[in-house]
Amino acid sequence: MSTLTLEKSKEKRPNKVLVYHPELCTGCTYCMTACAYKHYGIASFEKTYIKILEDPDKPFSFVGAHCAHCETAACVAACPTDALYTEEETGIVRVKAMLCIMCRNCQAACPISHPFFDEDLHQAAKCDQCDGRPICVQQCPTGAITYEDRIEARKKYGVIESE
């Protein structure tokens, strides 16, 4: 593949991220329920890839935790079996279940400990952005979770990710 082709493919890369807006969140947990149901067929807060937690410092305020699909993902670098990888076309960090040895290095390396371990499936599990149609975004009644272009989100919210 030529350098020019590689540069073009990177330009086309959708590379979208979930953005959580705490000022809009009511703590309804529809996003968590929808996520668990979509991926596991059950409404379980233990089987969801997004977590909405009450902020202990601010009553009636909530904190959201979800995978940022980091461009330089510490979880991917920490995996000794290459079970975690970044999908080149979309930027989504994914899990190859058959390669996961449940060492939990990815969880330790992640700044928010996002990958969790599904004890029933014996593998790491994490947000997959519902393959470009995040159910959490679709089910959020207040618009507290949006799905935005990574670069535009950085500009809009002033977020700087270390490379």
N, C-alpha and C. Protein backbone atom coordinates (compact mmCIF):
# COMPACT_ATOMS: atom_id res chain seq x y z
N MET A 1 0.86 -1.18 0.00
CA MET A 1 0.00 0.00 0.00
C MET A 1 0.90 1.24 0.00
N SER A 2 0.66 2.13 -0.90
CA SER A 2 1.48 3.33 -0.99
C SER A 2 1.14 4.29 0.15
N THR A 3 2.06 5.21 0.41
CA THR A 3 1.87 6.21 1.45
C THR A 3 0.66 7.08 1.14
N LEU A 4 0.49 7.42 -0.10
CA LEU A 4 -0.64 8.25 -0.51
C LEU A 4 -1.96 7.54 -0.22
N THR A 5 -2.04 6.25 -0.53
CA THR A 5 -3.26 5.48 -0.27
C THR A 5 -3.53 5.41 1.22
N LEU A 6 -2.49 5.19 2.01
CA LEU A 6 -2.64 5.12 3.46
C LEU A 6 -3.16 6.45 4.00
N GLU A 7 -2.61 7.55 3.53
CA GLU A 7 -3.06 8.86 3.98
C GLU A 7 -4.52 9.09 3.61
N LYS A 8 -4.91 8.67 2.41
CA LYS A 8 -6.31 8.83 2.00
C LYS A 8 -7.22 8.01 2.89
N SER A 9 -6.83 6.76 3.22
CA SER A 9 -7.70 5.91 4.03
C SER A 9 -7.85 6.48 5.43
N LYS A 10 -6.80 7.10 5.95
CA LYS A 10 -6.91 7.72 7.27
C LYS A 10 -7.84 8.93 7.23
N GLU A 11 -7.84 9.66 6.14
CA GLU A 11 -8.73 10.80 6.01
C GLU A 11 -10.19 10.36 5.99
N LYS A 12 -10.47 9.20 5.41
CA LYS A 12 -11.84 8.70 5.29
C LYS A 12 -12.33 8.07 6.59
N ARG A 13 -11.42 7.72 7.47
CA ARG A 13 -11.75 7.01 8.70
C ARG A 13 -12.81 7.77 9.51
N PRO A 14 -13.97 7.14 9.79
CA PRO A 14 -15.03 7.83 10.51
C PRO A 14 -14.62 8.25 11.91
N ASN A 15 -14.00 7.37 12.65
CA ASN A 15 -13.44 7.67 13.96
C ASN A 15 -14.34 8.55 14.82
N LYS A 16 -15.43 7.99 15.26
CA LYS A 16 -16.37 8.71 16.10
C LYS A 16 -16.24 8.24 17.54
N VAL A 17 -16.68 9.09 18.46
CA VAL A 17 -16.60 8.77 19.88
C VAL A 17 -17.92 9.11 20.57
N LEU A 18 -18.14 8.45 21.69
CA LEU A 18 -19.27 8.79 22.54
C LEU A 18 -18.87 9.98 23.40
N VAL A 19 -19.76 10.93 23.52
CA VAL A 19 -19.51 12.11 24.37
C VAL A 19 -20.62 12.16 25.40
N TYR A 20 -20.24 12.21 26.66
CA TYR A 20 -21.20 12.26 27.77
C TYR A 20 -21.34 13.70 28.25
N HIS A 21 -22.58 14.15 28.39
CA HIS A 21 -22.90 15.51 28.83
C HIS A 21 -23.57 15.42 30.21
N PRO A 22 -22.80 15.52 31.29
CA PRO A 22 -23.36 15.31 32.63
C PRO A 22 -24.47 16.28 33.00
N GLU A 23 -24.43 17.47 32.44
CA GLU A 23 -25.46 18.46 32.77
C GLU A 23 -26.83 18.07 32.23
N LEU A 24 -26.88 17.13 31.29
CA LEU A 24 -28.15 16.67 30.71
C LEU A 24 -28.62 15.34 31.29
N CYS A 25 -27.75 14.65 32.01
CA CYS A 25 -28.07 13.31 32.51
C CYS A 25 -28.97 13.35 33.73
N THR A 26 -30.04 12.55 33.69
CA THR A 26 -30.96 12.45 34.82
C THR A 26 -30.72 11.21 35.66
N GLY A 27 -29.80 10.35 35.21
CA GLY A 27 -29.52 9.12 35.94
C GLY A 27 -30.57 8.04 35.71
N CYS A 28 -31.33 8.14 34.63
CA CYS A 28 -32.41 7.19 34.36
C CYS A 28 -31.90 5.78 34.07
N THR A 29 -30.67 5.65 33.63
CA THR A 29 -29.99 4.39 33.27
C THR A 29 -30.60 3.67 32.07
N TYR A 30 -31.38 4.36 31.26
CA TYR A 30 -31.90 3.74 30.03
C TYR A 30 -30.73 3.27 29.16
N CYS A 31 -29.67 4.06 29.12
CA CYS A 31 -28.51 3.72 28.29
C CYS A 31 -27.90 2.40 28.74
N MET A 32 -27.78 2.22 30.05
CA MET A 32 -27.19 1.00 30.60
C MET A 32 -28.07 -0.21 30.30
N THR A 33 -29.35 -0.05 30.51
CA THR A 33 -30.29 -1.15 30.27
C THR A 33 -30.30 -1.55 28.80
N ALA A 34 -30.35 -0.56 27.92
CA ALA A 34 -30.37 -0.83 26.48
C ALA A 34 -29.09 -1.52 26.03
N CYS A 35 -27.96 -1.07 26.55
CA CYS A 35 -26.66 -1.66 26.19
C CYS A 35 -26.62 -3.13 26.59
N ALA A 36 -26.97 -3.43 27.83
CA ALA A 36 -26.94 -4.82 28.30
C ALA A 36 -27.90 -5.69 27.51
N TYR A 37 -29.06 -5.15 27.22
CA TYR A 37 -30.05 -5.93 26.48
C TYR A 37 -29.58 -6.20 25.04
N LYS A 38 -29.00 -5.19 24.43
CA LYS A 38 -28.51 -5.37 23.04
C LYS A 38 -27.40 -6.42 22.97
N HIS A 39 -26.48 -6.39 23.92
CA HIS A 39 -25.32 -7.28 23.85
C HIS A 39 -25.54 -8.64 24.50
N TYR A 40 -26.41 -8.71 25.52
CA TYR A 40 -26.57 -9.96 26.26
C TYR A 40 -28.01 -10.48 26.31
N GLY A 41 -28.96 -9.66 25.86
CA GLY A 41 -30.35 -10.09 25.90
C GLY A 41 -30.99 -10.04 27.27
N ILE A 42 -30.33 -9.36 28.22
CA ILE A 42 -30.88 -9.20 29.57
C ILE A 42 -30.66 -7.77 30.03
N ALA A 43 -31.51 -7.31 30.93
CA ALA A 43 -31.35 -5.97 31.51
C ALA A 43 -30.57 -6.12 32.81
N SER A 44 -29.26 -5.97 32.73
CA SER A 44 -28.39 -6.18 33.88
C SER A 44 -27.33 -5.08 33.93
N PHE A 45 -27.22 -4.41 35.04
CA PHE A 45 -26.20 -3.37 35.18
C PHE A 45 -24.79 -3.96 35.22
N GLU A 46 -24.67 -5.23 35.50
CA GLU A 46 -23.35 -5.88 35.49
C GLU A 46 -22.88 -6.20 34.07
N LYS A 47 -23.80 -6.21 33.11
CA LYS A 47 -23.47 -6.60 31.74
C LYS A 47 -23.58 -5.43 30.78
N THR A 48 -23.30 -4.24 31.24
CA THR A 48 -23.40 -3.07 30.38
C THR A 48 -22.01 -2.50 30.12
N TYR A 49 -21.81 -1.92 28.95
CA TYR A 49 -20.51 -1.35 28.58
C TYR A 49 -20.42 0.13 28.91
N ILE A 50 -21.48 0.70 29.39
CA ILE A 50 -21.47 2.10 29.83
C ILE A 50 -21.97 2.13 31.26
N LYS A 51 -21.38 2.95 32.08
CA LYS A 51 -21.78 3.04 33.49
C LYS A 51 -22.18 4.48 33.80
N ILE A 52 -23.33 4.63 34.41
CA ILE A 52 -23.78 5.92 34.90
C ILE A 52 -23.87 5.80 36.41
N LEU A 53 -23.08 6.59 37.10
CA LEU A 53 -22.98 6.51 38.56
C LEU A 53 -23.32 7.85 39.19
N GLU A 54 -23.91 7.80 40.36
CA GLU A 54 -24.20 9.04 41.06
C GLU A 54 -22.89 9.65 41.54
N ASP A 55 -22.75 10.95 41.33
CA ASP A 55 -21.55 11.67 41.75
C ASP A 55 -21.59 11.82 43.27
N PRO A 56 -20.66 11.22 43.99
CA PRO A 56 -20.69 11.27 45.46
C PRO A 56 -20.50 12.69 46.01
N ASP A 57 -19.92 13.58 45.21
CA ASP A 57 -19.67 14.95 45.67
C ASP A 57 -20.81 15.91 45.35
N LYS A 58 -21.71 15.49 44.46
CA LYS A 58 -22.81 16.37 44.04
C LYS A 58 -24.11 15.58 43.98
N PRO A 59 -24.96 15.72 44.98
CA PRO A 59 -26.23 14.99 44.96
C PRO A 59 -27.03 15.30 43.69
N PHE A 60 -27.71 14.29 43.17
CA PHE A 60 -28.55 14.39 41.97
C PHE A 60 -27.75 14.74 40.71
N SER A 61 -26.45 14.46 40.74
CA SER A 61 -25.59 14.62 39.57
C SER A 61 -24.98 13.25 39.27
N PHE A 62 -24.64 13.05 38.00
CA PHE A 62 -24.18 11.73 37.59
C PHE A 62 -22.90 11.82 36.76
N VAL A 63 -22.13 10.75 36.85
CA VAL A 63 -20.87 10.63 36.14
C VAL A 63 -21.00 9.45 35.18
N GLY A 64 -20.59 9.64 33.95
CA GLY A 64 -20.63 8.57 32.97
C GLY A 64 -19.25 8.01 32.72
N ALA A 65 -19.15 6.70 32.57
CA ALA A 65 -17.88 6.05 32.25
C ALA A 65 -18.10 5.10 31.09
N HIS A 66 -17.33 5.28 30.04
CA HIS A 66 -17.41 4.42 28.87
C HIS A 66 -16.07 4.46 28.15
N CYS A 67 -15.86 3.50 27.29
CA CYS A 67 -14.61 3.43 26.55
C CYS A 67 -14.48 4.62 25.60
N ALA A 68 -13.30 5.22 25.60
CA ALA A 68 -13.02 6.37 24.72
C ALA A 68 -12.45 5.91 23.38
N HIS A 69 -12.19 4.63 23.23
CA HIS A 69 -11.57 4.10 22.01
C HIS A 69 -10.36 4.96 21.66
N CYS A 70 -9.45 5.04 22.63
CA CYS A 70 -8.26 5.88 22.53
C CYS A 70 -7.46 5.58 21.25
N GLU A 71 -6.92 6.63 20.67
CA GLU A 71 -6.10 6.44 19.47
C GLU A 71 -4.84 5.65 19.79
N THR A 72 -4.26 5.90 20.94
CA THR A 72 -3.13 5.13 21.44
C THR A 72 -3.64 4.43 22.70
N ALA A 73 -4.30 3.31 22.51
CA ALA A 73 -5.00 2.63 23.59
C ALA A 73 -4.06 1.83 24.48
N ALA A 74 -4.03 2.21 25.76
CA ALA A 74 -3.19 1.51 26.73
C ALA A 74 -3.63 0.05 26.89
N CYS A 75 -4.93 -0.19 26.79
CA CYS A 75 -5.43 -1.57 26.92
C CYS A 75 -4.88 -2.46 25.82
N VAL A 76 -4.81 -1.93 24.61
CA VAL A 76 -4.28 -2.69 23.47
C VAL A 76 -2.80 -2.98 23.69
N ALA A 77 -2.06 -1.98 24.12
CA ALA A 77 -0.62 -2.14 24.36
C ALA A 77 -0.34 -3.14 25.48
N ALA A 78 -1.23 -3.21 26.46
CA ALA A 78 -1.00 -4.07 27.63
C ALA A 78 -1.37 -5.54 27.38
N CYS A 79 -2.09 -5.82 26.33
CA CYS A 79 -2.56 -7.19 26.08
C CYS A 79 -1.44 -8.06 25.54
N PRO A 80 -1.07 -9.12 26.26
CA PRO A 80 0.04 -9.97 25.82
C PRO A 80 -0.31 -10.91 24.66
N THR A 81 -1.60 -11.06 24.35
CA THR A 81 -2.00 -12.01 23.31
C THR A 81 -2.60 -11.33 22.08
N ASP A 82 -2.60 -10.00 22.05
CA ASP A 82 -3.22 -9.23 20.97
C ASP A 82 -4.73 -9.49 20.86
N ALA A 83 -5.35 -9.81 21.99
CA ALA A 83 -6.80 -10.01 22.00
C ALA A 83 -7.53 -8.68 21.81
N LEU A 84 -6.92 -7.59 22.24
CA LEU A 84 -7.48 -6.27 21.99
C LEU A 84 -6.74 -5.64 20.82
N TYR A 85 -7.49 -5.01 19.95
CA TYR A 85 -6.88 -4.37 18.78
C TYR A 85 -7.74 -3.19 18.37
N THR A 86 -7.14 -2.26 17.66
CA THR A 86 -7.87 -1.11 17.14
C THR A 86 -8.20 -1.38 15.68
N GLU A 87 -9.49 -1.35 15.39
CA GLU A 87 -9.95 -1.56 14.02
C GLU A 87 -9.50 -0.37 13.18
N GLU A 88 -8.70 -0.62 12.18
CA GLU A 88 -8.11 0.45 11.39
C GLU A 88 -9.15 1.34 10.72
N GLU A 89 -10.17 0.75 10.18
CA GLU A 89 -11.16 1.50 9.42
C GLU A 89 -11.99 2.47 10.27
N THR A 90 -12.32 2.07 11.52
CA THR A 90 -13.23 2.86 12.34
C THR A 90 -12.60 3.48 13.59
N GLY A 91 -11.48 2.94 14.03
CA GLY A 91 -10.87 3.41 15.27
C GLY A 91 -11.46 2.75 16.51
N ILE A 92 -12.37 1.80 16.33
CA ILE A 92 -13.00 1.12 17.46
C ILE A 92 -12.02 0.10 18.03
N VAL A 93 -11.84 0.12 19.35
CA VAL A 93 -11.01 -0.87 20.02
C VAL A 93 -11.91 -2.08 20.29
N ARG A 94 -11.49 -3.23 19.78
CA ARG A 94 -12.31 -4.44 19.86
C ARG A 94 -11.57 -5.57 20.59
N VAL A 95 -12.33 -6.60 20.94
CA VAL A 95 -11.80 -7.78 21.62
C VAL A 95 -11.94 -9.00 20.71
N LYS A 96 -10.84 -9.73 20.53
CA LYS A 96 -10.88 -11.04 19.88
C LYS A 96 -11.03 -12.05 21.02
N ALA A 97 -12.25 -12.47 21.25
CA ALA A 97 -12.58 -13.30 22.42
C ALA A 97 -11.72 -14.56 22.54
N MET A 98 -11.44 -15.20 21.44
CA MET A 98 -10.70 -16.46 21.48
C MET A 98 -9.25 -16.28 21.93
N LEU A 99 -8.73 -15.06 21.83
CA LEU A 99 -7.35 -14.82 22.25
C LEU A 99 -7.22 -14.34 23.69
N CYS A 100 -8.33 -13.96 24.30
CA CYS A 100 -8.29 -13.41 25.67
C CYS A 100 -7.98 -14.52 26.68
N ILE A 101 -6.95 -14.28 27.50
CA ILE A 101 -6.57 -15.24 28.54
C ILE A 101 -6.98 -14.76 29.93
N MET A 102 -7.77 -13.72 29.98
CA MET A 102 -8.30 -13.15 31.22
C MET A 102 -7.20 -12.71 32.21
N CYS A 103 -6.12 -12.19 31.69
CA CYS A 103 -5.03 -11.73 32.55
C CYS A 103 -5.37 -10.40 33.23
N ARG A 104 -6.31 -9.67 32.64
CA ARG A 104 -6.80 -8.39 33.15
C ARG A 104 -5.79 -7.24 33.02
N ASN A 105 -4.77 -7.44 32.21
CA ASN A 105 -3.80 -6.36 31.96
C ASN A 105 -4.48 -5.16 31.32
N CYS A 106 -5.44 -5.41 30.45
CA CYS A 106 -6.13 -4.31 29.77
C CYS A 106 -6.89 -3.45 30.77
N GLN A 107 -7.52 -4.08 31.73
CA GLN A 107 -8.27 -3.36 32.74
C GLN A 107 -7.33 -2.52 33.62
N ALA A 108 -6.19 -3.09 33.96
CA ALA A 108 -5.22 -2.36 34.78
C ALA A 108 -4.61 -1.19 34.02
N ALA A 109 -4.43 -1.35 32.72
CA ALA A 109 -3.79 -0.30 31.91
C ALA A 109 -4.75 0.84 31.56
N CYS A 110 -6.04 0.55 31.47
CA CYS A 110 -7.02 1.56 31.08
C CYS A 110 -7.17 2.61 32.18
N PRO A 111 -7.12 3.89 31.82
CA PRO A 111 -7.24 4.96 32.83
C PRO A 111 -8.56 4.92 33.61
N ILE A 112 -9.62 4.34 33.00
CA ILE A 112 -10.89 4.25 33.73
C ILE A 112 -11.29 2.80 33.98
N SER A 113 -10.35 1.87 33.80
CA SER A 113 -10.59 0.44 34.01
C SER A 113 -11.81 -0.05 33.24
N HIS A 114 -11.95 0.44 32.01
CA HIS A 114 -13.16 0.12 31.26
C HIS A 114 -13.37 -1.34 30.90
N PRO A 115 -12.41 -2.03 30.31
CA PRO A 115 -12.73 -3.42 29.98
C PRO A 115 -13.15 -4.16 31.25
N PHE A 116 -14.23 -4.91 31.15
CA PHE A 116 -14.61 -5.72 32.30
C PHE A 116 -14.53 -7.17 31.90
N PHE A 117 -14.62 -8.06 32.87
CA PHE A 117 -14.47 -9.47 32.58
C PHE A 117 -15.78 -10.18 32.76
N ASP A 118 -16.23 -10.75 31.68
CA ASP A 118 -17.46 -11.51 31.70
C ASP A 118 -17.11 -12.90 32.20
N GLU A 119 -17.47 -13.16 33.43
CA GLU A 119 -17.15 -14.44 34.05
C GLU A 119 -17.88 -15.60 33.38
N ASP A 120 -19.06 -15.33 32.82
CA ASP A 120 -19.81 -16.39 32.14
C ASP A 120 -19.14 -16.78 30.83
N LEU A 121 -18.64 -15.79 30.09
CA LEU A 121 -18.01 -16.04 28.80
C LEU A 121 -16.50 -16.26 28.90
N HIS A 122 -15.92 -15.96 30.07
CA HIS A 122 -14.48 -16.10 30.31
C HIS A 122 -13.66 -15.27 29.33
N GLN A 123 -14.01 -13.97 29.24
CA GLN A 123 -13.28 -13.09 28.33
C GLN A 123 -13.48 -11.63 28.73
N ALA A 124 -12.60 -10.81 28.23
CA ALA A 124 -12.75 -9.37 28.39
C ALA A 124 -13.93 -8.92 27.54
N ALA A 125 -14.62 -7.88 27.99
CA ALA A 125 -15.73 -7.33 27.24
C ALA A 125 -15.66 -5.81 27.35
N LYS A 126 -16.04 -5.12 26.28
CA LYS A 126 -15.98 -3.66 26.29
C LYS A 126 -16.86 -3.08 25.21
N CYS A 127 -17.05 -1.78 25.27
CA CYS A 127 -17.89 -1.08 24.30
C CYS A 127 -17.37 -1.31 22.88
N ASP A 128 -18.29 -1.59 21.98
CA ASP A 128 -17.95 -1.75 20.57
C ASP A 128 -18.66 -0.71 19.71
N GLN A 129 -19.20 0.31 20.37
CA GLN A 129 -19.96 1.39 19.71
C GLN A 129 -21.10 0.83 18.87
N CYS A 130 -21.55 -0.37 19.22
CA CYS A 130 -22.67 -1.01 18.50
C CYS A 130 -22.47 -0.93 16.99
N ASP A 131 -21.21 -1.11 16.59
CA ASP A 131 -20.84 -1.09 15.17
C ASP A 131 -21.31 0.18 14.45
N GLY A 132 -21.20 1.31 15.14
CA GLY A 132 -21.50 2.60 14.52
C GLY A 132 -22.91 3.12 14.77
N ARG A 133 -23.72 2.37 15.52
CA ARG A 133 -25.08 2.82 15.85
C ARG A 133 -25.31 2.60 17.34
N PRO A 134 -24.63 3.38 18.19
CA PRO A 134 -24.69 3.14 19.64
C PRO A 134 -26.11 3.20 20.21
N ILE A 135 -26.53 2.10 20.79
CA ILE A 135 -27.87 2.02 21.37
C ILE A 135 -28.02 2.97 22.56
N CYS A 136 -26.94 3.24 23.27
CA CYS A 136 -27.02 4.16 24.41
C CYS A 136 -27.41 5.56 23.95
N VAL A 137 -26.89 5.97 22.80
CA VAL A 137 -27.22 7.28 22.23
C VAL A 137 -28.69 7.29 21.79
N GLN A 138 -29.10 6.22 21.15
CA GLN A 138 -30.48 6.13 20.65
C GLN A 138 -31.51 6.13 21.78
N GLN A 139 -31.16 5.54 22.91
CA GLN A 139 -32.13 5.39 24.00
C GLN A 139 -32.08 6.50 25.05
N CYS A 140 -31.10 7.37 24.98
CA CYS A 140 -30.99 8.44 25.98
C CYS A 140 -32.08 9.50 25.72
N PRO A 141 -33.02 9.66 26.66
CA PRO A 141 -34.14 10.58 26.42
C PRO A 141 -33.78 12.06 26.51
N THR A 142 -32.62 12.38 27.08
CA THR A 142 -32.26 13.79 27.26
C THR A 142 -31.12 14.25 26.36
N GLY A 143 -30.54 13.34 25.58
CA GLY A 143 -29.40 13.70 24.73
C GLY A 143 -28.11 13.85 25.52
N ALA A 144 -28.03 13.18 26.66
CA ALA A 144 -26.83 13.27 27.50
C ALA A 144 -25.65 12.50 26.91
N ILE A 145 -25.92 11.62 25.96
CA ILE A 145 -24.86 10.87 25.28
C ILE A 145 -25.02 11.16 23.79
N THR A 146 -23.94 11.62 23.18
CA THR A 146 -23.96 11.88 21.74
C THR A 146 -22.84 11.10 21.08
N TYR A 147 -22.94 10.94 19.77
CA TYR A 147 -21.95 10.20 18.99
C TYR A 147 -21.39 11.18 17.98
N GLU A 148 -20.12 11.57 18.17
CA GLU A 148 -19.55 12.67 17.41
C GLU A 148 -18.20 12.32 16.82
N ASP A 149 -17.84 13.01 15.77
CA ASP A 149 -16.52 12.88 15.17
C ASP A 149 -15.46 13.24 16.23
N ARG A 150 -14.45 12.41 16.36
CA ARG A 150 -13.42 12.60 17.39
C ARG A 150 -12.76 13.98 17.31
N ILE A 151 -12.35 14.38 16.11
CA ILE A 151 -11.65 15.65 15.95
C ILE A 151 -12.57 16.82 16.26
N GLU A 152 -13.80 16.76 15.77
CA GLU A 152 -14.76 17.83 16.04
C GLU A 152 -15.08 17.91 17.53
N ALA A 153 -15.20 16.77 18.18
CA ALA A 153 -15.48 16.76 19.63
C ALA A 153 -14.33 17.40 20.40
N ARG A 154 -13.10 17.11 19.99
CA ARG A 154 -11.95 17.74 20.65
C ARG A 154 -12.01 19.25 20.53
N LYS A 155 -12.32 19.73 19.33
CA LYS A 155 -12.40 21.18 19.12
C LYS A 155 -13.53 21.78 19.93
N LYS A 156 -14.67 21.14 19.91
CA LYS A 156 -15.87 21.66 20.56
C LYS A 156 -15.74 21.69 22.09
N TYR A 157 -15.17 20.63 22.67
CA TYR A 157 -15.14 20.52 24.12
C TYR A 157 -13.76 20.77 24.73
N GLY A 158 -12.76 21.02 23.88
CA GLY A 158 -11.42 21.33 24.39
C GLY A 158 -10.72 20.15 25.01
N VAL A 159 -11.05 18.94 24.56
CA VAL A 159 -10.43 17.74 25.11
C VAL A 159 -9.15 17.44 24.36
N ILE A 160 -8.10 17.16 25.11
CA ILE A 160 -6.82 16.84 24.49
C ILE A 160 -6.44 15.44 24.94
N GLU A 161 -6.25 14.54 23.98
CA GLU A 161 -5.84 13.18 24.28
C GLU A 161 -4.36 13.07 23.98
N SER A 162 -3.61 12.49 24.90
CA SER A 162 -2.17 12.33 24.66
C SER A 162 -1.96 11.29 23.57
N GLU A 163 -0.98 11.52 22.76
CA GLU A 163 -0.70 10.62 21.63
C GLU A 163 0.35 9.62 22.04
